[in-house]
Amino acid sequence: QNGMALIMLGASGVHIGKYIMQACAGCLGNEMGRCNVCNVGICPKGITSQNEKLFRRLDPDDVAQRVADTFSSIKTEMKKIMAPLGRSQSLPIGMSDALGIDDADAAKRLGIKYAC
C-alpha cells in the first residue's frame, strides 16, 4: 500500500529488494537494518555467500517460488487498490491518480486525503 501511494504521488519506483530478501529468502536483517554480513560473503542464510557450506542452507527453488508468489500477491493488491479508482494495470500510474480521489475507502486505504 505504501509503495502504491508513493508511485501515485509521483515516485518513479519503489525499492523492495530488502523485503524480498527478508520475506522470501529468510534474511536475518530487520526493518532497522541488516545483519551486516551481506558484503563480506558469510551470510548465515546463504543468500549472499559464495561459501558452499553456507550456500547449501539456501534452497533456490523454494526461494524462487516464494518470490513468484510475492510478486503475484503484489499484483493482486495493486488490482485491489486501482479497481475502485476505475483504473486497470495496463495504464501508467502517476501523480494525477492521487490528486483527486473521491472514494473515501480508497483514500483511507492509500493513506491520502479524501477529496469530496
PDB file of N, CA and C in Angstrom:
ATOM      1  N   GLN A   1       0.821  -1.192   0.000  1.00  0.00           N
ATOM      2  CA  GLN A   1       0.000   0.000   0.000  1.00  0.00           C
ATOM      3  C   GLN A   1       0.856   1.243   0.000  1.00  0.00           C
ATOM      4  N   ASN A   2       1.885   1.290   0.828  1.00  0.00           N
ATOM      5  CA  ASN A   2       2.744   2.465   0.878  1.00  0.00           C
ATOM      6  C   ASN A   2       3.456   2.674  -0.449  1.00  0.00           C
ATOM      7  N   GLY A   3       3.909   1.592  -1.054  1.00  0.00           N
ATOM      8  CA  GLY A   3       4.583   1.700  -2.343  1.00  0.00           C
ATOM      9  C   GLY A   3       3.670   2.239  -3.419  1.00  0.00           C
ATOM     10  N   MET A   4       2.427   1.758  -3.455  1.00  0.00           N
ATOM     11  CA  MET A   4       1.468   2.258  -4.442  1.00  0.00           C
ATOM     12  C   MET A   4       1.170   3.726  -4.198  1.00  0.00           C
ATOM     13  N   ALA A   5       1.025   4.127  -2.952  1.00  0.00           N
ATOM     14  CA  ALA A   5       0.765   5.536  -2.646  1.00  0.00           C
ATOM     15  C   ALA A   5       1.930   6.401  -3.113  1.00  0.00           C
ATOM     16  N   LEU A   6       3.163   5.942  -2.904  1.00  0.00           N
ATOM     17  CA  LEU A   6       4.330   6.703  -3.355  1.00  0.00           C
ATOM     18  C   LEU A   6       4.357   6.841  -4.871  1.00  0.00           C
ATOM     19  N   ILE A   7       4.059   5.766  -5.581  1.00  0.00           N
ATOM     20  CA  ILE A   7       4.038   5.821  -7.043  1.00  0.00           C
ATOM     21  C   ILE A   7       2.947   6.769  -7.519  1.00  0.00           C
ATOM     22  N   MET A   8       1.782   6.705  -6.886  1.00  0.00           N
ATOM     23  CA  MET A   8       0.683   7.583  -7.283  1.00  0.00           C
ATOM     24  C   MET A   8       0.978   9.046  -6.965  1.00  0.00           C
ATOM     25  N   LEU A   9       1.855   9.289  -6.021  1.00  0.00           N
ATOM     26  CA  LEU A   9       2.226  10.661  -5.688  1.00  0.00           C
ATOM     27  C   LEU A   9       3.425  11.153  -6.496  1.00  0.00           C
ATOM     28  N   GLY A  10       3.926  10.324  -7.413  1.00  0.00           N
ATOM     29  CA  GLY A  10       4.954  10.790  -8.326  1.00  0.00           C
ATOM     30  C   GLY A  10       6.276  10.056  -8.302  1.00  0.00           C
ATOM     31  N   ALA A  11       6.463   9.094  -7.414  1.00  0.00           N
ATOM     32  CA  ALA A  11       7.729   8.357  -7.383  1.00  0.00           C
ATOM     33  C   ALA A  11       7.868   7.522  -8.655  1.00  0.00           C
ATOM     34  N   SER A  12       9.060   7.445  -9.170  1.00  0.00           N
ATOM     35  CA  SER A  12       9.307   6.650 -10.378  1.00  0.00           C
ATOM     36  C   SER A  12       9.272   5.154 -10.078  1.00  0.00           C
ATOM     37  N   GLY A  13       9.532   4.796  -8.834  1.00  0.00           N
ATOM     38  CA  GLY A  13       9.528   3.397  -8.432  1.00  0.00           C
ATOM     39  C   GLY A  13       9.789   3.285  -6.947  1.00  0.00           C
ATOM     40  N   VAL A  14       9.683   2.089  -6.437  1.00  0.00           N
ATOM     41  CA  VAL A  14       9.959   1.841  -5.023  1.00  0.00           C
ATOM     42  C   VAL A  14      10.902   0.647  -4.918  1.00  0.00           C
ATOM     43  N   HIS A  15      11.743   0.658  -3.905  1.00  0.00           N
ATOM     44  CA  HIS A  15      12.730  -0.406  -3.702  1.00  0.00           C
ATOM     45  C   HIS A  15      12.132  -1.488  -2.803  1.00  0.00           C
ATOM     46  N   ILE A  16      12.098  -2.724  -3.290  1.00  0.00           N
ATOM     47  CA  ILE A  16      11.551  -3.814  -2.480  1.00  0.00           C
ATOM     48  C   ILE A  16      12.554  -4.954  -2.317  1.00  0.00           C
ATOM     49  N   GLY A  17      13.806  -4.713  -2.683  1.00  0.00           N
ATOM     50  CA  GLY A  17      14.820  -5.767  -2.604  1.00  0.00           C
ATOM     51  C   GLY A  17      15.011  -6.309  -1.203  1.00  0.00           C
ATOM     52  N   LYS A  18      15.045  -5.413  -0.219  1.00  0.00           N
ATOM     53  CA  LYS A  18      15.230  -5.839   1.170  1.00  0.00           C
ATOM     54  C   LYS A  18      14.033  -6.679   1.625  1.00  0.00           C
ATOM     55  N   TYR A  19      12.832  -6.253   1.231  1.00  0.00           N
ATOM     56  CA  TYR A  19      11.630  -7.010   1.573  1.00  0.00           C
ATOM     57  C   TYR A  19      11.691  -8.408   0.954  1.00  0.00           C
ATOM     58  N   ILE A  20      12.108  -8.498  -0.291  1.00  0.00           N
ATOM     59  CA  ILE A  20      12.194  -9.794  -0.964  1.00  0.00           C
ATOM     60  C   ILE A  20      13.204 -10.691  -0.250  1.00  0.00           C
ATOM     61  N   MET A  21      14.353 -10.122   0.116  1.00  0.00           N
ATOM     62  CA  MET A  21      15.362 -10.931   0.823  1.00  0.00           C
ATOM     63  C   MET A  21      14.844 -11.418   2.167  1.00  0.00           C
ATOM     64  N   GLN A  22      14.094 -10.570   2.876  1.00  0.00           N
ATOM     65  CA  GLN A  22      13.600 -10.957   4.195  1.00  0.00           C
ATOM     66  C   GLN A  22      12.429 -11.923   4.096  1.00  0.00           C
ATOM     67  N   ALA A  23      11.458 -11.607   3.255  1.00  0.00           N
ATOM     68  CA  ALA A  23      10.239 -12.412   3.188  1.00  0.00           C
ATOM     69  C   ALA A  23      10.432 -13.722   2.432  1.00  0.00           C
ATOM     70  N   CYS A  24      11.228 -13.700   1.392  1.00  0.00           N
ATOM     71  CA  CYS A  24      11.339 -14.882   0.539  1.00  0.00           C
ATOM     72  C   CYS A  24      12.554 -15.751   0.822  1.00  0.00           C
ATOM     73  N   ALA A  25      13.656 -15.128   1.206  1.00  0.00           N
ATOM     74  CA  ALA A  25      14.883 -15.900   1.392  1.00  0.00           C
ATOM     75  C   ALA A  25      15.255 -16.071   2.856  1.00  0.00           C
ATOM     76  N   GLY A  26      14.528 -15.416   3.760  1.00  0.00           N
ATOM     77  CA  GLY A  26      14.788 -15.583   5.183  1.00  0.00           C
ATOM     78  C   GLY A  26      15.939 -14.768   5.720  1.00  0.00           C
ATOM     79  N   CYS A  27      16.219 -13.622   5.094  1.00  0.00           N
ATOM     80  CA  CYS A  27      17.305 -12.748   5.555  1.00  0.00           C
ATOM     81  C   CYS A  27      17.093 -12.392   7.026  1.00  0.00           C
ATOM     82  N   LEU A  28      18.184 -12.336   7.781  1.00  0.00           N
ATOM     83  CA  LEU A  28      18.103 -12.052   9.211  1.00  0.00           C
ATOM     84  C   LEU A  28      18.030 -10.565   9.527  1.00  0.00           C
ATOM     85  N   GLY A  29      18.175  -9.705   8.520  1.00  0.00           N
ATOM     86  CA  GLY A  29      18.062  -8.270   8.752  1.00  0.00           C
ATOM     87  C   GLY A  29      16.647  -7.916   9.184  1.00  0.00           C
ATOM     88  N   ASN A  30      16.492  -6.738   9.757  1.00  0.00           N
ATOM     89  CA  ASN A  30      15.165  -6.296  10.172  1.00  0.00           C
ATOM     90  C   ASN A  30      14.864  -4.945   9.546  1.00  0.00           C
ATOM     91  N   GLU A  31      13.735  -4.348   9.906  1.00  0.00           N
ATOM     92  CA  GLU A  31      13.343  -3.077   9.308  1.00  0.00           C
ATOM     93  C   GLU A  31      14.293  -1.939   9.673  1.00  0.00           C
ATOM     94  N   MET A  32      15.086  -2.116  10.709  1.00  0.00           N
ATOM     95  CA  MET A  32      16.036  -1.084  11.119  1.00  0.00           C
ATOM     96  C   MET A  32      17.382  -1.225  10.401  1.00  0.00           C
ATOM     97  N   GLY A  33      17.622  -2.328   9.771  1.00  0.00           N
ATOM     98  CA  GLY A  33      18.906  -2.520   9.094  1.00  0.00           C
ATOM     99  C   GLY A  33      19.093  -3.946   8.646  1.00  0.00           C
ATOM    100  N   ARG A  34      20.317  -4.336   8.562  1.00  0.00           N
ATOM    101  CA  ARG A  34      20.628  -5.701   8.152  1.00  0.00           C
ATOM    102  C   ARG A  34      21.551  -6.329   9.185  1.00  0.00           C
ATOM    103  N   CYS A  35      21.870  -7.572   9.014  1.00  0.00           N
ATOM    104  CA  CYS A  35      22.752  -8.229   9.982  1.00  0.00           C
ATOM    105  C   CYS A  35      24.215  -7.892   9.713  1.00  0.00           C
ATOM    106  N   ASN A  36      24.453  -7.087   8.678  1.00  0.00           N
ATOM    107  CA  ASN A  36      25.772  -6.525   8.361  1.00  0.00           C
ATOM    108  C   ASN A  36      26.822  -7.527   7.914  1.00  0.00           C
ATOM    109  N   VAL A  37      26.425  -8.627   7.316  1.00  0.00           N
ATOM    110  CA  VAL A  37      27.415  -9.538   6.751  1.00  0.00           C
ATOM    111  C   VAL A  37      27.179  -9.789   5.261  1.00  0.00           C
ATOM    112  N   CYS A  38      26.233  -9.086   4.655  1.00  0.00           N
ATOM    113  CA  CYS A  38      25.966  -9.253   3.220  1.00  0.00           C
ATOM    114  C   CYS A  38      27.217  -8.975   2.392  1.00  0.00           C
ATOM    115  N   ASN A  39      27.945  -7.957   2.775  1.00  0.00           N
ATOM    116  CA  ASN A  39      29.083  -7.520   1.976  1.00  0.00           C
ATOM    117  C   ASN A  39      30.368  -8.314   2.207  1.00  0.00           C
ATOM    118  N   VAL A  40      30.395  -9.189   3.184  1.00  0.00           N
ATOM    119  CA  VAL A  40      31.623  -9.949   3.449  1.00  0.00           C
ATOM    120  C   VAL A  40      31.513 -11.417   3.042  1.00  0.00           C
ATOM    121  N   GLY A  41      30.354 -11.823   2.534  1.00  0.00           N
ATOM    122  CA  GLY A  41      30.210 -13.170   1.999  1.00  0.00           C
ATOM    123  C   GLY A  41      30.012 -14.276   3.006  1.00  0.00           C
ATOM    124  N   ILE A  42      29.595 -13.953   4.223  1.00  0.00           N
ATOM    125  CA  ILE A  42      29.360 -15.005   5.224  1.00  0.00           C
ATOM    126  C   ILE A  42      27.913 -14.986   5.714  1.00  0.00           C
ATOM    127  N   CYS A  43      26.999 -14.715   4.810  1.00  0.00           N
ATOM    128  CA  CYS A  43      25.575 -14.675   5.144  1.00  0.00           C
ATOM    129  C   CYS A  43      25.156 -16.006   5.772  1.00  0.00           C
ATOM    130  N   PRO A  44      24.618 -15.988   6.997  1.00  0.00           N
ATOM    131  CA  PRO A  44      24.249 -17.241   7.658  1.00  0.00           C
ATOM    132  C   PRO A  44      23.119 -17.995   6.958  1.00  0.00           C
ATOM    133  N   LYS A  45      22.336 -17.298   6.136  1.00  0.00           N
ATOM    134  CA  LYS A  45      21.269 -17.954   5.381  1.00  0.00           C
ATOM    135  C   LYS A  45      21.723 -18.398   3.997  1.00  0.00           C
ATOM    136  N   GLY A  46      22.932 -18.008   3.600  1.00  0.00           N
ATOM    137  CA  GLY A  46      23.470 -18.419   2.306  1.00  0.00           C
ATOM    138  C   GLY A  46      23.047 -17.552   1.141  1.00  0.00           C
ATOM    139  N   ILE A  47      22.367 -16.445   1.401  1.00  0.00           N
ATOM    140  CA  ILE A  47      21.838 -15.600   0.327  1.00  0.00           C
ATOM    141  C   ILE A  47      22.967 -14.914  -0.440  1.00  0.00           C
ATOM    142  N   THR A  48      23.877 -14.273   0.270  1.00  0.00           N
ATOM    143  CA  THR A  48      24.961 -13.525  -0.377  1.00  0.00           C
ATOM    144  C   THR A  48      26.307 -14.203  -0.189  1.00  0.00           C
ATOM    145  N   SER A  49      26.303 -15.467   0.079  1.00  0.00           N
ATOM    146  CA  SER A  49      27.544 -16.191   0.368  1.00  0.00           C
ATOM    147  C   SER A  49      28.013 -16.991  -0.838  1.00  0.00           C
ATOM    148  N   GLN A  50      29.319 -17.052  -1.005  1.00  0.00           N
ATOM    149  CA  GLN A  50      29.922 -17.920  -2.013  1.00  0.00           C
ATOM    150  C   GLN A  50      30.493 -19.185  -1.365  1.00  0.00           C
ATOM    151  N   ASN A  51      30.426 -19.255  -0.043  1.00  0.00           N
ATOM    152  CA  ASN A  51      30.913 -20.408   0.706  1.00  0.00           C
ATOM    153  C   ASN A  51      29.920 -21.558   0.530  1.00  0.00           C
ATOM    154  N   GLU A  52      30.387 -22.694   0.052  1.00  0.00           N
ATOM    155  CA  GLU A  52      29.479 -23.803  -0.244  1.00  0.00           C
ATOM    156  C   GLU A  52      28.736 -24.318   0.974  1.00  0.00           C
ATOM    157  N   LYS A  53      29.381 -24.313   2.128  1.00  0.00           N
ATOM    158  CA  LYS A  53      28.705 -24.768   3.346  1.00  0.00           C
ATOM    159  C   LYS A  53      27.528 -23.861   3.683  1.00  0.00           C
ATOM    160  N   LEU A  54      27.722 -22.563   3.514  1.00  0.00           N
ATOM    161  CA  LEU A  54      26.646 -21.614   3.803  1.00  0.00           C
ATOM    162  C   LEU A  54      25.612 -21.600   2.684  1.00  0.00           C
ATOM    163  N   PHE A  55      26.073 -21.700   1.436  1.00  0.00           N
ATOM    164  CA  PHE A  55      25.157 -21.647   0.299  1.00  0.00           C
ATOM    165  C   PHE A  55      24.176 -22.814   0.310  1.00  0.00           C
ATOM    166  N   ARG A  56      24.599 -23.966   0.825  1.00  0.00           N
ATOM    167  CA  ARG A  56      23.717 -25.137   0.861  1.00  0.00           C
ATOM    168  C   ARG A  56      22.498 -24.932   1.751  1.00  0.00           C
ATOM    169  N   ARG A  57      22.541 -23.950   2.629  1.00  0.00           N
ATOM    170  CA  ARG A  57      21.394 -23.673   3.502  1.00  0.00           C
ATOM    171  C   ARG A  57      20.228 -23.053   2.739  1.00  0.00           C
ATOM    172  N   LEU A  58      20.519 -22.530   1.568  1.00  0.00           N
ATOM    173  CA  LEU A  58      19.507 -21.849   0.772  1.00  0.00           C
ATOM    174  C   LEU A  58      18.953 -22.802  -0.282  1.00  0.00           C
ATOM    175  N   ASP A  59      17.642 -22.943  -0.318  1.00  0.00           N
ATOM    176  CA  ASP A  59      17.000 -23.761  -1.343  1.00  0.00           C
ATOM    177  C   ASP A  59      16.530 -22.827  -2.458  1.00  0.00           C
ATOM    178  N   PRO A  60      17.274 -22.728  -3.569  1.00  0.00           N
ATOM    179  CA  PRO A  60      16.938 -21.761  -4.608  1.00  0.00           C
ATOM    180  C   PRO A  60      15.559 -21.975  -5.227  1.00  0.00           C
ATOM    181  N   ASP A  61      15.135 -23.219  -5.361  1.00  0.00           N
ATOM    182  CA  ASP A  61      13.820 -23.480  -5.942  1.00  0.00           C
ATOM    183  C   ASP A  61      12.707 -22.980  -5.026  1.00  0.00           C
ATOM    184  N   ASP A  62      12.871 -23.193  -3.730  1.00  0.00           N
ATOM    185  CA  ASP A  62      11.887 -22.728  -2.752  1.00  0.00           C
ATOM    186  C   ASP A  62      11.830 -21.199  -2.726  1.00  0.00           C
ATOM    187  N   VAL A  63      13.002 -20.569  -2.748  1.00  0.00           N
ATOM    188  CA  VAL A  63      13.053 -19.105  -2.752  1.00  0.00           C
ATOM    189  C   VAL A  63      12.436 -18.559  -4.036  1.00  0.00           C
ATOM    190  N   ALA A  64      12.727 -19.181  -5.171  1.00  0.00           N
ATOM    191  CA  ALA A  64      12.164 -18.732  -6.448  1.00  0.00           C
ATOM    192  C   ALA A  64      10.641 -18.807  -6.427  1.00  0.00           C
ATOM    193  N   GLN A  65      10.098 -19.874  -5.857  1.00  0.00           N
ATOM    194  CA  GLN A  65       8.642 -19.999  -5.770  1.00  0.00           C
ATOM    195  C   GLN A  65       8.052 -18.920  -4.870  1.00  0.00           C
ATOM    196  N   ARG A  66       8.722 -18.638  -3.741  1.00  0.00           N
ATOM    197  CA  ARG A  66       8.235 -17.597  -2.837  1.00  0.00           C
ATOM    198  C   ARG A  66       8.319 -16.210  -3.469  1.00  0.00           C
ATOM    199  N   VAL A  67       9.362 -15.965  -4.268  1.00  0.00           N
ATOM    200  CA  VAL A  67       9.466 -14.679  -4.975  1.00  0.00           C
ATOM    201  C   VAL A  67       8.321 -14.548  -5.972  1.00  0.00           C
ATOM    202  N   ALA A  68       8.045 -15.605  -6.729  1.00  0.00           N
ATOM    203  CA  ALA A  68       6.935 -15.584  -7.685  1.00  0.00           C
ATOM    204  C   ALA A  68       5.608 -15.354  -6.969  1.00  0.00           C
ATOM    205  N   ASP A  69       5.403 -16.021  -5.844  1.00  0.00           N
ATOM    206  CA  ASP A  69       4.172 -15.840  -5.070  1.00  0.00           C
ATOM    207  C   ASP A  69       4.055 -14.418  -4.539  1.00  0.00           C
ATOM    208  N   THR A  70       5.184 -13.843  -4.107  1.00  0.00           N
ATOM    209  CA  THR A  70       5.178 -12.478  -3.582  1.00  0.00           C
ATOM    210  C   THR A  70       4.784 -11.489  -4.666  1.00  0.00           C
ATOM    211  N   PHE A  71       5.369 -11.616  -5.856  1.00  0.00           N
ATOM    212  CA  PHE A  71       5.020 -10.696  -6.938  1.00  0.00           C
ATOM    213  C   PHE A  71       3.583 -10.902  -7.405  1.00  0.00           C
ATOM    214  N   SER A  72       3.099 -12.120  -7.351  1.00  0.00           N
ATOM    215  CA  SER A  72       1.699 -12.379  -7.684  1.00  0.00           C
ATOM    216  C   SER A  72       0.772 -11.695  -6.683  1.00  0.00           C
ATOM    217  N   SER A  73       1.127 -11.740  -5.403  1.00  0.00           N
ATOM    218  CA  SER A  73       0.290 -11.081  -4.397  1.00  0.00           C
ATOM    219  C   SER A  73       0.382  -9.561  -4.516  1.00  0.00           C
ATOM    220  N   ILE A  74       1.558  -9.032  -4.903  1.00  0.00           N
ATOM    221  CA  ILE A  74       1.680  -7.588  -5.130  1.00  0.00           C
ATOM    222  C   ILE A  74       0.766  -7.171  -6.280  1.00  0.00           C
ATOM    223  N   LYS A  75       0.724  -7.975  -7.329  1.00  0.00           N
ATOM    224  CA  LYS A  75      -0.155  -7.678  -8.470  1.00  0.00           C
ATOM    225  C   LYS A  75      -1.619  -7.671  -8.032  1.00  0.00           C
ATOM    226  N   THR A  76      -2.003  -8.644  -7.212  1.00  0.00           N
ATOM    227  CA  THR A  76      -3.378  -8.704  -6.710  1.00  0.00           C
ATOM    228  C   THR A  76      -3.705  -7.479  -5.872  1.00  0.00           C
ATOM    229  N   GLU A  77      -2.776  -7.076  -4.999  1.00  0.00           N
ATOM    230  CA  GLU A  77      -3.000  -5.890  -4.168  1.00  0.00           C
ATOM    231  C   GLU A  77      -3.099  -4.629  -5.019  1.00  0.00           C
ATOM    232  N   MET A  78      -2.292  -4.546  -6.080  1.00  0.00           N
ATOM    233  CA  MET A  78      -2.380  -3.395  -6.982  1.00  0.00           C
ATOM    234  C   MET A  78      -3.757  -3.323  -7.622  1.00  0.00           C
ATOM    235  N   LYS A  79      -4.273  -4.468  -8.030  1.00  0.00           N
ATOM    236  CA  LYS A  79      -5.607  -4.500  -8.629  1.00  0.00           C
ATOM    237  C   LYS A  79      -6.664  -4.046  -7.631  1.00  0.00           C
ATOM    238  N   LYS A  80      -6.529  -4.470  -6.364  1.00  0.00           N
ATOM    239  CA  LYS A  80      -7.494  -4.071  -5.337  1.00  0.00           C
ATOM    240  C   LYS A  80      -7.467  -2.571  -5.095  1.00  0.00           C
ATOM    241  N   ILE A  81      -6.280  -1.973  -5.205  1.00  0.00           N
ATOM    242  CA  ILE A  81      -6.158  -0.532  -4.989  1.00  0.00           C
ATOM    243  C   ILE A  81      -6.655   0.243  -6.207  1.00  0.00           C
ATOM    244  N   MET A  82      -6.324  -0.223  -7.406  1.00  0.00           N
ATOM    245  CA  MET A  82      -6.647   0.530  -8.617  1.00  0.00           C
ATOM    246  C   MET A  82      -8.093   0.356  -9.069  1.00  0.00           C
ATOM    247  N   ALA A  83      -8.712  -0.779  -8.776  1.00  0.00           N
ATOM    248  CA  ALA A  83     -10.077  -1.029  -9.236  1.00  0.00           C
ATOM    249  C   ALA A  83     -11.080   0.019  -8.750  1.00  0.00           C
ATOM    250  N   PRO A  84     -11.080   0.400  -7.467  1.00  0.00           N
ATOM    251  CA  PRO A  84     -12.037   1.425  -7.035  1.00  0.00           C
ATOM    252  C   PRO A  84     -11.799   2.785  -7.690  1.00  0.00           C
ATOM    253  N   LEU A  85     -10.602   2.991  -8.222  1.00  0.00           N
ATOM    254  CA  LEU A  85     -10.286   4.250  -8.891  1.00  0.00           C
ATOM    255  C   LEU A  85     -10.657   4.205 -10.367  1.00  0.00           C
ATOM    256  N   GLY A  86     -11.154   3.061 -10.813  1.00  0.00           N
ATOM    257  CA  GLY A  86     -11.549   2.919 -12.206  1.00  0.00           C
ATOM    258  C   GLY A  86     -10.369   2.768 -13.151  1.00  0.00           C
ATOM    259  N   ARG A  87      -9.265   2.243 -12.663  1.00  0.00           N
ATOM    260  CA  ARG A  87      -8.061   2.115 -13.484  1.00  0.00           C
ATOM    261  C   ARG A  87      -7.685   0.649 -13.634  1.00  0.00           C
ATOM    262  N   SER A  88      -7.064   0.343 -14.759  1.00  0.00           N
ATOM    263  CA  SER A  88      -6.531  -1.004 -14.952  1.00  0.00           C
ATOM    264  C   SER A  88      -5.016  -0.945 -14.839  1.00  0.00           C
ATOM    265  N   GLN A  89      -4.383  -2.096 -14.748  1.00  0.00           N
ATOM    266  CA  GLN A  89      -2.927  -2.129 -14.635  1.00  0.00           C
ATOM    267  C   GLN A  89      -2.241  -1.803 -15.949  1.00  0.00           C
ATOM    268  N   SER A  90      -2.982  -1.830 -17.054  1.00  0.00           N
ATOM    269  CA  SER A  90      -2.348  -1.573 -18.346  1.00  0.00           C
ATOM    270  C   SER A  90      -2.047  -0.091 -18.552  1.00  0.00           C
ATOM    271  N   LEU A  91      -2.661   0.770 -17.760  1.00  0.00           N
ATOM    272  CA  LEU A  91      -2.421   2.204 -17.881  1.00  0.00           C
ATOM    273  C   LEU A  91      -1.312   2.637 -16.941  1.00  0.00           C
ATOM    274  N   PRO A  92      -0.528   3.645 -17.339  1.00  0.00           N
ATOM    275  CA  PRO A  92       0.512   4.140 -16.426  1.00  0.00           C
ATOM    276  C   PRO A  92      -0.102   4.757 -15.176  1.00  0.00           C
ATOM    277  N   ILE A  93       0.584   4.610 -14.061  1.00  0.00           N
ATOM    278  CA  ILE A  93       0.126   5.167 -12.792  1.00  0.00           C
ATOM    279  C   ILE A  93       1.032   6.339 -12.471  1.00  0.00           C
ATOM    280  N   GLY A  94       0.439   7.464 -12.080  1.00  0.00           N
ATOM    281  CA  GLY A  94       1.258   8.633 -11.779  1.00  0.00           C
ATOM    282  C   GLY A  94       0.596   9.566 -10.800  1.00  0.00           C
ATOM    283  N   MET A  95       1.143  10.791 -10.717  1.00  0.00           N
ATOM    284  CA  MET A  95       0.681  11.761  -9.723  1.00  0.00           C
ATOM    285  C   MET A  95      -0.807  12.073  -9.829  1.00  0.00           C
ATOM    286  N   SER A  96      -1.329  12.137 -11.031  1.00  0.00           N
ATOM    287  CA  SER A  96      -2.728  12.527 -11.190  1.00  0.00           C
ATOM    288  C   SER A  96      -3.680  11.542 -10.527  1.00  0.00           C
ATOM    289  N   ASP A  97      -3.238  10.320 -10.305  1.00  0.00           N
ATOM    290  CA  ASP A  97      -4.102   9.324  -9.673  1.00  0.00           C
ATOM    291  C   ASP A  97      -4.334   9.606  -8.199  1.00  0.00           C
ATOM    292  N   ALA A  98      -3.462  10.341  -7.554  1.00  0.00           N
ATOM    293  CA  ALA A  98      -3.597  10.597  -6.124  1.00  0.00           C
ATOM    294  C   ALA A  98      -4.121  11.994  -5.820  1.00  0.00           C
ATOM    295  N   LEU A  99      -4.317  12.816  -6.842  1.00  0.00           N
ATOM    296  CA  LEU A  99      -4.706  14.200  -6.588  1.00  0.00           C
ATOM    297  C   LEU A  99      -6.161  14.356  -6.183  1.00  0.00           C
ATOM    298  N   GLY A 100      -7.055  13.667  -6.835  1.00  0.00           N
ATOM    299  CA  GLY A 100      -8.465  13.888  -6.565  1.00  0.00           C
ATOM    300  C   GLY A 100      -9.269  12.626  -6.395  1.00  0.00           C
ATOM    301  N   ILE A 101      -9.011  11.889  -5.359  1.00  0.00           N
ATOM    302  CA  ILE A 101      -9.760  10.655  -5.123  1.00  0.00           C
ATOM    303  C   ILE A 101     -11.059  11.005  -4.418  1.00  0.00           C
ATOM    304  N   ASP A 102     -12.153  10.647  -5.059  1.00  0.00           N
ATOM    305  CA  ASP A 102     -13.452  10.934  -4.457  1.00  0.00           C
ATOM    306  C   ASP A 102     -14.068   9.692  -3.816  1.00  0.00           C
ATOM    307  N   ASP A 103     -13.282   8.670  -3.644  1.00  0.00           N
ATOM    308  CA  ASP A 103     -13.720   7.445  -2.978  1.00  0.00           C
ATOM    309  C   ASP A 103     -13.079   7.408  -1.590  1.00  0.00           C
ATOM    310  N   ALA A 104     -13.902   7.549  -0.560  1.00  0.00           N
ATOM    311  CA  ALA A 104     -13.390   7.619   0.814  1.00  0.00           C
ATOM    312  C   ALA A 104     -12.637   6.348   1.210  1.00  0.00           C
ATOM    313  N   ASP A 105     -13.141   5.184   0.798  1.00  0.00           N
ATOM    314  CA  ASP A 105     -12.477   3.925   1.147  1.00  0.00           C
ATOM    315  C   ASP A 105     -11.092   3.827   0.506  1.00  0.00           C
ATOM    316  N   ALA A 106     -10.994   4.204  -0.773  1.00  0.00           N
ATOM    317  CA  ALA A 106      -9.697   4.148  -1.456  1.00  0.00           C
ATOM    318  C   ALA A 106      -8.720   5.138  -0.840  1.00  0.00           C
ATOM    319  N   ALA A 107      -9.202   6.327  -0.496  1.00  0.00           N
ATOM    320  CA  ALA A 107      -8.335   7.335   0.132  1.00  0.00           C
ATOM    321  C   ALA A 107      -7.822   6.840   1.478  1.00  0.00           C
ATOM    322  N   LYS A 108      -8.698   6.208   2.245  1.00  0.00           N
ATOM    323  CA  LYS A 108      -8.294   5.688   3.554  1.00  0.00           C
ATOM    324  C   LYS A 108      -7.275   4.564   3.390  1.00  0.00           C
ATOM    325  N   ARG A 109      -7.508   3.667   2.422  1.00  0.00           N
ATOM    326  CA  ARG A 109      -6.618   2.541   2.178  1.00  0.00           C
ATOM    327  C   ARG A 109      -5.229   3.013   1.746  1.00  0.00           C
ATOM    328  N   LEU A 110      -5.173   4.095   0.951  1.00  0.00           N
ATOM    329  CA  LEU A 110      -3.895   4.602   0.464  1.00  0.00           C
ATOM    330  C   LEU A 110      -3.243   5.586   1.418  1.00  0.00           C
ATOM    331  N   GLY A 111      -4.004   6.044   2.415  1.00  0.00           N
ATOM    332  CA  GLY A 111      -3.447   6.981   3.384  1.00  0.00           C
ATOM    333  C   GLY A 111      -3.259   8.378   2.830  1.00  0.00           C
ATOM    334  N   ILE A 112      -4.120   8.766   1.881  1.00  0.00           N
ATOM    335  CA  ILE A 112      -4.056  10.119   1.338  1.00  0.00           C
ATOM    336  C   ILE A 112      -5.375  10.824   1.599  1.00  0.00           C
ATOM    337  N   LYS A 113      -5.390  12.141   1.431  1.00  0.00           N
ATOM    338  CA  LYS A 113      -6.575  12.923   1.777  1.00  0.00           C
ATOM    339  C   LYS A 113      -7.744  12.630   0.843  1.00  0.00           C
ATOM    340  N   TYR A 114      -8.914  12.587   1.430  1.00  0.00           N
ATOM    341  CA  TYR A 114     -10.157  12.365   0.694  1.00  0.00           C
ATOM    342  C   TYR A 114     -10.624  13.691   0.119  1.00  0.00           C
ATOM    343  N   ALA A 115     -10.810  13.729  -1.189  1.00  0.00           N
ATOM    344  CA  ALA A 115     -11.286  14.946  -1.855  1.00  0.00           C
ATOM    345  C   ALA A 115     -12.758  14.770  -2.172  1.00  0.00           C
ATOM    346  N   CYS A 116     -13.604  15.472  -1.425  1.00  0.00           N
ATOM    347  CA  CYS A 116     -15.044  15.303  -1.638  1.00  0.00           C
ATOM    348  C   CYS A 116     -15.587  16.228  -2.687  1.00  0.00           C
TER     349      CYS A 116
END
